[in-house]
PDB file of N, CA and C in Angstrom:
ATOM      1  N   MET A   1      49.483 116.952 117.710  1.00  0.00           N
ATOM      2  CA  MET A   1      50.841 116.477 117.757  1.00  0.00           C
ATOM      3  C   MET A   1      51.612 117.345 118.738  1.00  0.00           C
ATOM      4  N   LYS A   2      52.473 116.708 119.511  1.00  0.00           N
ATOM      5  CA  LYS A   2      53.334 117.408 120.451  1.00  0.00           C
ATOM      6  C   LYS A   2      54.764 116.943 120.234  1.00  0.00           C
ATOM      7  N   ILE A   3      55.695 117.859 120.373  1.00  0.00           N
ATOM      8  CA  ILE A   3      57.113 117.514 120.315  1.00  0.00           C
ATOM      9  C   ILE A   3      57.736 117.923 121.635  1.00  0.00           C
ATOM     10  N   LYS A   4      58.359 116.961 122.287  1.00  0.00           N
ATOM     11  CA  LYS A   4      59.039 117.220 123.553  1.00  0.00           C
ATOM     12  C   LYS A   4      60.526 116.958 123.342  1.00  0.00           C
ATOM     13  N   TYR A   5      61.350 117.884 123.845  1.00  0.00           N
ATOM     14  CA  TYR A   5      62.798 117.730 123.732  1.00  0.00           C
ATOM     15  C   TYR A   5      63.399 117.643 125.122  1.00  0.00           C
ATOM     16  N   PHE A   6      64.255 116.657 125.328  1.00  0.00           N
ATOM     17  CA  PHE A   6      64.916 116.422 126.600  1.00  0.00           C
ATOM     18  C   PHE A   6      66.408 116.703 126.430  1.00  0.00           C
ATOM     19  N   PRO A   7      66.866 117.905 126.806  1.00  0.00           N
ATOM     20  CA  PRO A   7      68.257 118.285 126.549  1.00  0.00           C
ATOM     21  C   PRO A   7      69.284 117.439 127.297  1.00  0.00           C
ATOM     22  N   ASP A   8      68.920 116.896 128.450  1.00  0.00           N
ATOM     23  CA  ASP A   8      69.885 116.097 129.210  1.00  0.00           C
ATOM     24  C   ASP A   8      70.285 114.816 128.478  1.00  0.00           C
ATOM     25  N   THR A   9      69.403 114.307 127.618  1.00  0.00           N
ATOM     26  CA  THR A   9      69.710 113.102 126.847  1.00  0.00           C
ATOM     27  C   THR A   9      69.741 113.370 125.339  1.00  0.00           C
ATOM     28  N   ASP A  10      69.493 114.617 124.927  1.00  0.00           N
ATOM     29  CA  ASP A  10      69.417 115.007 123.512  1.00  0.00           C
ATOM     30  C   ASP A  10      68.443 114.091 122.764  1.00  0.00           C
ATOM     31  N   THR A  11      67.262 113.933 123.367  1.00  0.00           N
ATOM     32  CA  THR A  11      66.229 113.056 122.815  1.00  0.00           C
ATOM     33  C   THR A  11      64.982 113.867 122.494  1.00  0.00           C
ATOM     34  N   ALA A  12      64.387 113.599 121.337  1.00  0.00           N
ATOM     35  CA  ALA A  12      63.122 114.225 120.960  1.00  0.00           C
ATOM     36  C   ALA A  12      62.042 113.151 120.937  1.00  0.00           C
ATOM     37  N   LEU A  13      60.887 113.511 121.464  1.00  0.00           N
ATOM     38  CA  LEU A  13      59.731 112.619 121.445  1.00  0.00           C
ATOM     39  C   LEU A  13      58.621 113.331 120.689  1.00  0.00           C
ATOM     40  N   VAL A  14      58.204 112.754 119.580  1.00  0.00           N
ATOM     41  CA  VAL A  14      57.113 113.296 118.784  1.00  0.00           C
ATOM     42  C   VAL A  14      55.885 112.452 119.097  1.00  0.00           C
ATOM     43  N   GLN A  15      54.885 113.076 119.710  1.00  0.00           N
ATOM     44  CA  GLN A  15      53.662 112.377 120.084  1.00  0.00           C
ATOM     45  C   GLN A  15      52.570 112.712 119.071  1.00  0.00           C
ATOM     46  N   PHE A  16      52.073 111.694 118.399  1.00  0.00           N
ATOM     47  CA  PHE A  16      51.035 111.881 117.388  1.00  0.00           C
ATOM     48  C   PHE A  16      49.637 111.710 117.968  1.00  0.00           C
ATOM     49  N   THR A  17      49.485 110.762 118.891  1.00  0.00           N
ATOM     50  CA  THR A  17      48.193 110.507 119.529  1.00  0.00           C
ATOM     51  C   THR A  17      48.424 110.156 120.990  1.00  0.00           C
ATOM     52  N   ASN A  18      47.345 110.043 121.734  1.00  0.00           N
ATOM     53  CA  ASN A  18      47.416 109.616 123.129  1.00  0.00           C
ATOM     54  C   ASN A  18      46.997 108.160 123.293  1.00  0.00           C
ATOM     55  N   LYS A  19      46.952 107.415 122.195  1.00  0.00           N
ATOM     56  CA  LYS A  19      46.534 106.018 122.270  1.00  0.00           C
ATOM     57  C   LYS A  19      47.559 105.188 123.038  1.00  0.00           C
ATOM     58  N   GLU A  20      47.114 104.058 123.557  1.00  0.00           N
ATOM     59  CA  GLU A  20      47.989 103.163 124.298  1.00  0.00           C
ATOM     60  C   GLU A  20      49.005 102.514 123.360  1.00  0.00           C
ATOM     61  N   VAL A  21      50.257 102.487 123.796  1.00  0.00           N
ATOM     62  CA  VAL A  21      51.325 101.870 122.998  1.00  0.00           C
ATOM     63  C   VAL A  21      51.233 100.361 123.147  1.00  0.00           C
ATOM     64  N   PHE A  22      51.204  99.684 122.003  1.00  0.00           N
ATOM     65  CA  PHE A  22      51.148  98.226 121.971  1.00  0.00           C
ATOM     66  C   PHE A  22      52.536  97.631 121.759  1.00  0.00           C
ATOM     67  N   GLU A  23      53.342  98.307 120.898  1.00  0.00           N
ATOM     68  CA  GLU A  23      54.654  97.773 120.542  1.00  0.00           C
ATOM     69  C   GLU A  23      55.584  98.916 120.160  1.00  0.00           C
ATOM     70  N   THR A  24      56.868  98.755 120.478  1.00  0.00           N
ATOM     71  CA  THR A  24      57.907  99.696 120.055  1.00  0.00           C
ATOM     72  C   THR A  24      58.789  98.984 119.042  1.00  0.00           C
ATOM     73  N   LYS A  25      59.046  99.665 117.913  1.00  0.00           N
ATOM     74  CA  LYS A  25      59.885  99.092 116.867  1.00  0.00           C
ATOM     75  C   LYS A  25      61.105  99.976 116.646  1.00  0.00           C
ATOM     76  N   GLU A  26      62.255  99.348 116.495  1.00  0.00           N
ATOM     77  CA  GLU A  26      63.488 100.068 116.194  1.00  0.00           C
ATOM     78  C   GLU A  26      63.584 100.254 114.682  1.00  0.00           C
ATOM     79  N   ILE A  27      63.607 101.504 114.250  1.00  0.00           N
ATOM     80  CA  ILE A  27      63.712 101.814 112.827  1.00  0.00           C
ATOM     81  C   ILE A  27      65.180 101.876 112.408  1.00  0.00           C
ATOM     82  N   SER A  28      65.990 102.487 113.258  1.00  0.00           N
ATOM     83  CA  SER A  28      67.436 102.528 113.072  1.00  0.00           C
ATOM     84  C   SER A  28      68.056 102.625 114.457  1.00  0.00           C
ATOM     85  N   GLU A  29      69.354 102.767 114.519  1.00  0.00           N
ATOM     86  CA  GLU A  29      70.052 102.809 115.806  1.00  0.00           C
ATOM     87  C   GLU A  29      69.530 103.917 116.722  1.00  0.00           C
ATOM     88  N   ASN A  30      69.032 105.008 116.162  1.00  0.00           N
ATOM     89  CA  ASN A  30      68.624 106.165 116.949  1.00  0.00           C
ATOM     90  C   ASN A  30      67.162 106.566 116.781  1.00  0.00           C
ATOM     91  N   ILE A  31      66.382 105.777 116.075  1.00  0.00           N
ATOM     92  CA  ILE A  31      64.976 106.120 115.840  1.00  0.00           C
ATOM     93  C   ILE A  31      64.090 104.925 116.180  1.00  0.00           C
ATOM     94  N   TYR A  32      63.084 105.208 117.020  1.00  0.00           N
ATOM     95  CA  TYR A  32      62.137 104.188 117.456  1.00  0.00           C
ATOM     96  C   TYR A  32      60.721 104.714 117.245  1.00  0.00           C
ATOM     97  N   ILE A  33      59.808 103.817 116.899  1.00  0.00           N
ATOM     98  CA  ILE A  33      58.403 104.208 116.797  1.00  0.00           C
ATOM     99  C   ILE A  33      57.578 103.332 117.728  1.00  0.00           C
ATOM    100  N   ASP A  34      56.542 103.942 118.279  1.00  0.00           N
ATOM    101  CA  ASP A  34      55.561 103.223 119.080  1.00  0.00           C
ATOM    102  C   ASP A  34      54.286 103.137 118.265  1.00  0.00           C
ATOM    103  N   ILE A  35      53.685 101.958 118.236  1.00  0.00           N
ATOM    104  CA  ILE A  35      52.441 101.770 117.499  1.00  0.00           C
ATOM    105  C   ILE A  35      51.357 101.250 118.442  1.00  0.00           C
ATOM    106  N   ASP A  36      50.100 101.484 118.054  1.00  0.00           N
ATOM    107  CA  ASP A  36      48.980 100.972 118.839  1.00  0.00           C
ATOM    108  C   ASP A  36      48.636  99.559 118.369  1.00  0.00           C
ATOM    109  N   LYS A  37      47.603  98.965 118.945  1.00  0.00           N
ATOM    110  CA  LYS A  37      47.243  97.574 118.622  1.00  0.00           C
ATOM    111  C   LYS A  37      46.789  97.389 117.182  1.00  0.00           C
ATOM    112  N   ASN A  38      46.428  98.496 116.500  1.00  0.00           N
ATOM    113  CA  ASN A  38      46.018  98.430 115.093  1.00  0.00           C
ATOM    114  C   ASN A  38      47.149  98.758 114.130  1.00  0.00           C
ATOM    115  N   GLY A  39      48.345  98.982 114.667  1.00  0.00           N
ATOM    116  CA  GLY A  39      49.498  99.287 113.821  1.00  0.00           C
ATOM    117  C   GLY A  39      49.644 100.754 113.464  1.00  0.00           C
ATOM    118  N   ASN A  40      48.866 101.628 114.121  1.00  0.00           N
ATOM    119  CA  ASN A  40      48.948 103.066 113.844  1.00  0.00           C
ATOM    120  C   ASN A  40      50.034 103.713 114.688  1.00  0.00           C
ATOM    121  N   LEU A  41      50.682 104.715 114.132  1.00  0.00           N
ATOM    122  CA  LEU A  41      51.765 105.420 114.791  1.00  0.00           C
ATOM    123  C   LEU A  41      51.254 106.210 115.992  1.00  0.00           C
ATOM    124  N   VAL A  42      51.903 106.039 117.139  1.00  0.00           N
ATOM    125  CA  VAL A  42      51.559 106.771 118.357  1.00  0.00           C
ATOM    126  C   VAL A  42      52.653 107.792 118.669  1.00  0.00           C
ATOM    127  N   ASN A  43      53.905 107.340 118.743  1.00  0.00           N
ATOM    128  CA  ASN A  43      55.054 108.203 119.064  1.00  0.00           C
ATOM    129  C   ASN A  43      56.234 107.853 118.177  1.00  0.00           C
ATOM    130  N   MET A  44      57.165 108.809 118.078  1.00  0.00           N
ATOM    131  CA  MET A  44      58.461 108.554 117.464  1.00  0.00           C
ATOM    132  C   MET A  44      59.516 109.153 118.383  1.00  0.00           C
ATOM    133  N   THR A  45      60.530 108.367 118.713  1.00  0.00           N
ATOM    134  CA  THR A  45      61.621 108.833 119.556  1.00  0.00           C
ATOM    135  C   THR A  45      62.872 108.954 118.706  1.00  0.00           C
ATOM    136  N   ILE A  46      63.561 110.093 118.825  1.00  0.00           N
ATOM    137  CA  ILE A  46      64.795 110.333 118.085  1.00  0.00           C
ATOM    138  C   ILE A  46      65.909 110.584 119.093  1.00  0.00           C
ATOM    139  N   GLU A  47      66.858 109.672 119.159  1.00  0.00           N
ATOM    140  CA  GLU A  47      68.008 109.820 120.033  1.00  0.00           C
ATOM    141  C   GLU A  47      69.056 110.686 119.323  1.00  0.00           C
ATOM    142  N   HIS A  48      69.865 111.409 120.071  1.00  0.00           N
ATOM    143  CA  HIS A  48      70.864 112.330 119.515  1.00  0.00           C
ATOM    144  C   HIS A  48      70.186 113.260 118.516  1.00  0.00           C
ATOM    145  N   ALA A  49      69.104 113.875 118.944  1.00  0.00           N
ATOM    146  CA  ALA A  49      68.201 114.632 118.074  1.00  0.00           C
ATOM    147  C   ALA A  49      68.857 115.828 117.379  1.00  0.00           C
ATOM    148  N   LYS A  50      69.743 116.517 118.053  1.00  0.00           N
ATOM    149  CA  LYS A  50      70.368 117.681 117.406  1.00  0.00           C
ATOM    150  C   LYS A  50      71.200 117.261 116.207  1.00  0.00           C
ATOM    151  N   ALA A  51      71.917 116.166 116.321  1.00  0.00           N
ATOM    152  CA  ALA A  51      72.753 115.694 115.221  1.00  0.00           C
ATOM    153  C   ALA A  51      71.949 114.934 114.170  1.00  0.00           C
ATOM    154  N   ASN A  52      71.006 114.097 114.613  1.00  0.00           N
ATOM    155  CA  ASN A  52      70.293 113.218 113.685  1.00  0.00           C
ATOM    156  C   ASN A  52      69.069 113.843 113.044  1.00  0.00           C
ATOM    157  N   ALA A  53      68.482 114.853 113.685  1.00  0.00           N
ATOM    158  CA  ALA A  53      67.247 115.423 113.145  1.00  0.00           C
ATOM    159  C   ALA A  53      67.334 116.932 112.955  1.00  0.00           C
ATOM    160  N   GLY A  54      68.528 117.501 113.127  1.00  0.00           N
ATOM    161  CA  GLY A  54      68.670 118.945 112.945  1.00  0.00           C
ATOM    162  C   GLY A  54      67.751 119.722 113.864  1.00  0.00           C
ATOM    163  N   LEU A  55      67.663 119.311 115.112  1.00  0.00           N
ATOM    164  CA  LEU A  55      66.678 119.873 116.023  1.00  0.00           C
ATOM    165  C   LEU A  55      67.136 121.175 116.685  1.00  0.00           C
ATOM    166  N   ARG A  56      67.963 121.923 116.045  1.00  0.00           N
ATOM    167  CA  ARG A  56      68.358 123.227 116.583  1.00  0.00           C
ATOM    168  C   ARG A  56      67.254 124.251 116.345  1.00  0.00           C
ATOM    169  N   GLU A  57      66.424 123.986 115.344  1.00  0.00           N
ATOM    170  CA  GLU A  57      65.326 124.889 115.024  1.00  0.00           C
ATOM    171  C   GLU A  57      64.138 124.053 114.575  1.00  0.00           C
ATOM    172  N   PHE A  58      62.947 124.493 114.941  1.00  0.00           N
ATOM    173  CA  PHE A  58      61.735 123.767 114.564  1.00  0.00           C
ATOM    174  C   PHE A  58      60.716 124.770 114.061  1.00  0.00           C
ATOM    175  N   SER A  59      60.077 124.456 112.948  1.00  0.00           N
ATOM    176  CA  SER A  59      58.991 125.299 112.457  1.00  0.00           C
ATOM    177  C   SER A  59      57.862 124.403 111.967  1.00  0.00           C
ATOM    178  N   TYR A  60      56.688 124.983 111.909  1.00  0.00           N
ATOM    179  CA  TYR A  60      55.501 124.252 111.488  1.00  0.00           C
ATOM    180  C   TYR A  60      54.793 125.078 110.429  1.00  0.00           C
ATOM    181  N   GLN A  61      54.411 124.440 109.348  1.00  0.00           N
ATOM    182  CA  GLN A  61      53.680 125.131 108.297  1.00  0.00           C
ATOM    183  C   GLN A  61      52.622 124.196 107.760  1.00  0.00           C
ATOM    184  N   GLU A  62      51.356 124.633 107.829  1.00  0.00           N
ATOM    185  CA  GLU A  62      50.272 123.841 107.282  1.00  0.00           C
ATOM    186  C   GLU A  62      50.097 124.219 105.810  1.00  0.00           C
ATOM    187  N   MET A  63      50.130 123.213 104.968  1.00  0.00           N
ATOM    188  CA  MET A  63      50.020 123.442 103.530  1.00  0.00           C
ATOM    189  C   MET A  63      48.555 123.248 103.122  1.00  0.00           C
ATOM    190  N   LEU A  64      47.893 124.323 102.785  1.00  0.00           N
ATOM    191  CA  LEU A  64      46.500 124.269 102.370  1.00  0.00           C
ATOM    192  C   LEU A  64      46.418 124.051 100.871  1.00  0.00           C
ATOM    193  N   PRO A  65      45.396 123.341 100.411  1.00  0.00           N
ATOM    194  CA  PRO A  65      45.252 123.108  98.977  1.00  0.00           C
ATOM    195  C   PRO A  65      44.980 124.431  98.251  1.00  0.00           C
ATOM    196  N   LYS A  66      45.498 124.516  97.047  1.00  0.00           N
ATOM    197  CA  LYS A  66      45.250 125.699  96.222  1.00  0.00           C
ATOM    198  C   LYS A  66      43.825 125.672  95.702  1.00  0.00           C
ATOM    199  N   THR A  67      43.206 126.812  95.663  1.00  0.00           N
ATOM    200  CA  THR A  67      41.861 126.912  95.106  1.00  0.00           C
ATOM    201  C   THR A  67      41.952 127.378  93.666  1.00  0.00           C
ATOM    202  N   ALA A  68      41.023 126.930  92.869  1.00  0.00           N
ATOM    203  CA  ALA A  68      41.048 127.257  91.419  1.00  0.00           C
ATOM    204  C   ALA A  68      40.607 128.680  91.164  1.00  0.00           C
TER     205      ALA A  68
END
């Protein structure tokens, strides 16, 4: 997964895969998803990302299953 931020447009692009985009769907006024021909998520675009997604800070944490 890659996250790209474009400050000139305050847009974030979250790339999940490198598959070819078949269709773009509008989820809300500022959120769009791209899907492949099988309906799997390829990208998500967030417009006005700082306001709509709190993109002032980003962190990543992998949650591993607890062992007994």
